[in-house]
Protein backbone atom coordinates (compact mmCIF):
# COMPACT_ATOMS: atom_id res chain seq x y z
CA UNK A 1 0.00 0.00 0.00
CA UNK A 2 1.20 3.50 -0.79
CA UNK A 3 0.79 4.74 2.80
CA UNK A 4 2.86 1.90 4.26
CA UNK A 5 5.73 2.79 1.92
CA UNK A 6 5.53 6.46 2.93
CA UNK A 7 5.47 5.65 6.65
CA UNK A 8 8.33 3.13 6.28
CA UNK A 9 10.42 5.90 4.71
CA UNK A 10 9.64 8.24 7.60
CA UNK A 11 10.53 5.55 10.13
CA UNK A 12 13.87 4.98 8.38
CA UNK A 13 14.53 8.73 8.27
CA UNK A 14 13.50 9.64 11.84
CA UNK A 15 13.75 6.36 13.77
CA UNK A 16 12.17 6.48 17.23
CA UNK A 17 11.27 10.16 16.80
CA UNK A 18 8.60 9.08 14.31
CA UNK A 19 5.69 7.94 16.47
CA UNK A 20 2.93 7.15 13.95
CA UNK A 21 1.94 3.72 12.69
CA UNK A 22 -0.29 2.44 9.90
CA UNK A 23 -3.59 0.93 11.01
CA UNK A 24 -5.10 -2.27 9.64
CA UNK A 25 -8.06 -1.79 7.32
CA UNK A 26 -10.37 -3.13 10.03
CA UNK A 27 -9.92 -0.91 13.09
CA UNK A 28 -12.00 0.71 15.80
CA UNK A 29 -11.14 4.32 14.98
CA UNK A 30 -13.70 4.70 12.16
CA UNK A 31 -16.51 3.78 14.54
CA UNK A 32 -15.09 5.95 17.32
CA UNK A 33 -15.06 9.02 15.10
CA UNK A 34 -18.66 8.42 14.02
CA UNK A 35 -19.68 8.23 17.70
CA UNK A 36 -17.94 11.49 18.52
CA UNK A 37 -19.02 13.84 15.74
CA UNK A 38 -22.28 15.73 16.04
CA UNK A 39 -24.53 16.81 13.16
CA UNK A 40 -23.03 20.32 13.06
CA UNK A 41 -19.44 19.02 12.80
CA UNK A 42 -17.67 19.42 9.43
CA UNK A 43 -16.85 15.70 9.29
CA UNK A 44 -20.41 14.52 10.01
CA UNK A 45 -21.78 12.22 7.31
CA UNK A 46 -18.54 12.01 5.35
CA UNK A 47 -17.09 8.69 4.19
CA UNK A 48 -13.90 8.84 6.18
CA UNK A 49 -11.43 6.09 7.02
CA UNK A 50 -8.66 5.85 9.61
CA UNK A 51 -5.27 5.01 8.12
CA UNK A 52 -2.73 5.86 10.84
CA UNK A 53 -2.47 6.54 14.58
CA UNK A 54 -0.02 8.58 16.63
CA UNK A 55 1.45 6.61 19.54
CA UNK A 56 2.06 9.78 21.59
CA UNK A 57 -1.55 10.98 21.82
CA UNK A 58 -5.10 10.39 20.56
CA UNK A 59 -4.48 11.77 17.06
CA UNK A 60 -5.66 9.64 14.15
CA UNK A 61 -5.05 10.29 10.45
CA UNK A 62 -8.14 9.85 8.30
CA UNK A 63 -8.59 9.95 4.54
CA UNK A 64 -11.77 10.96 2.74
CA UNK A 65 -12.83 11.80 -0.79
CA UNK A 66 -13.94 15.35 -1.49
CA UNK A 67 -14.86 16.15 -5.08
CA UNK A 68 -12.98 13.07 -6.26
CA UNK A 69 -9.74 13.97 -4.47
CA UNK A 70 -8.24 12.29 -1.39
CA UNK A 71 -8.15 14.73 1.53
CA UNK A 72 -6.40 13.97 4.80
CA UNK A 73 -7.41 14.93 8.28
CA UNK A 74 -5.86 14.52 11.72
CA UNK A 75 -8.57 14.18 14.35
CA UNK A 76 -7.82 14.38 18.04
CA UNK A 77 -10.29 11.83 19.41
CA UNK A 78 -11.91 12.56 22.76
CA UNK A 79 -13.52 9.17 23.47
CA UNK A 80 -16.65 11.06 24.50
CA UNK A 81 -20.08 10.66 22.90
CA UNK A 82 -21.38 14.11 23.81
CA UNK A 83 -18.73 16.55 22.63
CA UNK A 84 -19.04 20.31 22.85
CA UNK A 85 -19.44 22.23 19.61
CA UNK A 86 -16.21 22.16 17.59
CA UNK A 87 -15.01 18.86 19.06
CA UNK A 88 -13.34 16.63 18.23
CA UNK A 89 -10.69 19.03 16.96
CA UNK A 90 -9.31 18.33 13.50
CA UNK A 91 -6.79 19.64 11.00
CA UNK A 92 -7.22 19.24 7.25
CA UNK A 93 -4.50 18.55 4.67
CA UNK A 94 -5.08 18.87 0.94
CA UNK A 95 -2.76 15.97 0.12
CA UNK A 96 -0.45 13.42 1.69
CA UNK A 97 2.60 15.59 1.00
CA UNK A 98 1.13 18.41 3.11
CA UNK A 99 0.53 15.95 5.95
CA UNK A 100 4.11 14.62 5.69
CA UNK A 101 5.48 18.18 5.81
CA UNK A 102 3.41 18.81 8.94
CA UNK A 103 4.81 15.65 10.57
CA UNK A 104 8.39 16.45 9.63
CA UNK A 105 8.10 20.01 10.96
CA UNK A 106 6.74 18.68 14.26
CA UNK A 107 9.60 16.17 14.54
CA UNK A 108 12.29 18.77 13.78
CA UNK A 109 10.79 21.28 16.26
CA UNK A 110 10.90 18.79 19.18
């Protein structure tokens, strides 16, 4: 899979400083996100799939199609069913390269 190859390269480049891992296709994070988002949340009703998880916190990388293009989103899961407006927090990336740049900047700034 393309994502595994990308993450393997980041692991080789950053070693233990890289704390994300690819998730299996069947995982619990898709269901968890659907439990957490309310009708007024931007991600509500979107076909969105978890592809990676950060080992350092509750951030999960999701991919979704918007107008035929893969968009990427980090969601900080709360593990709460009744979230306040605006939760769970998320950050959008227009492509996988933008997400990788974000990760690399966060690793270098540590």
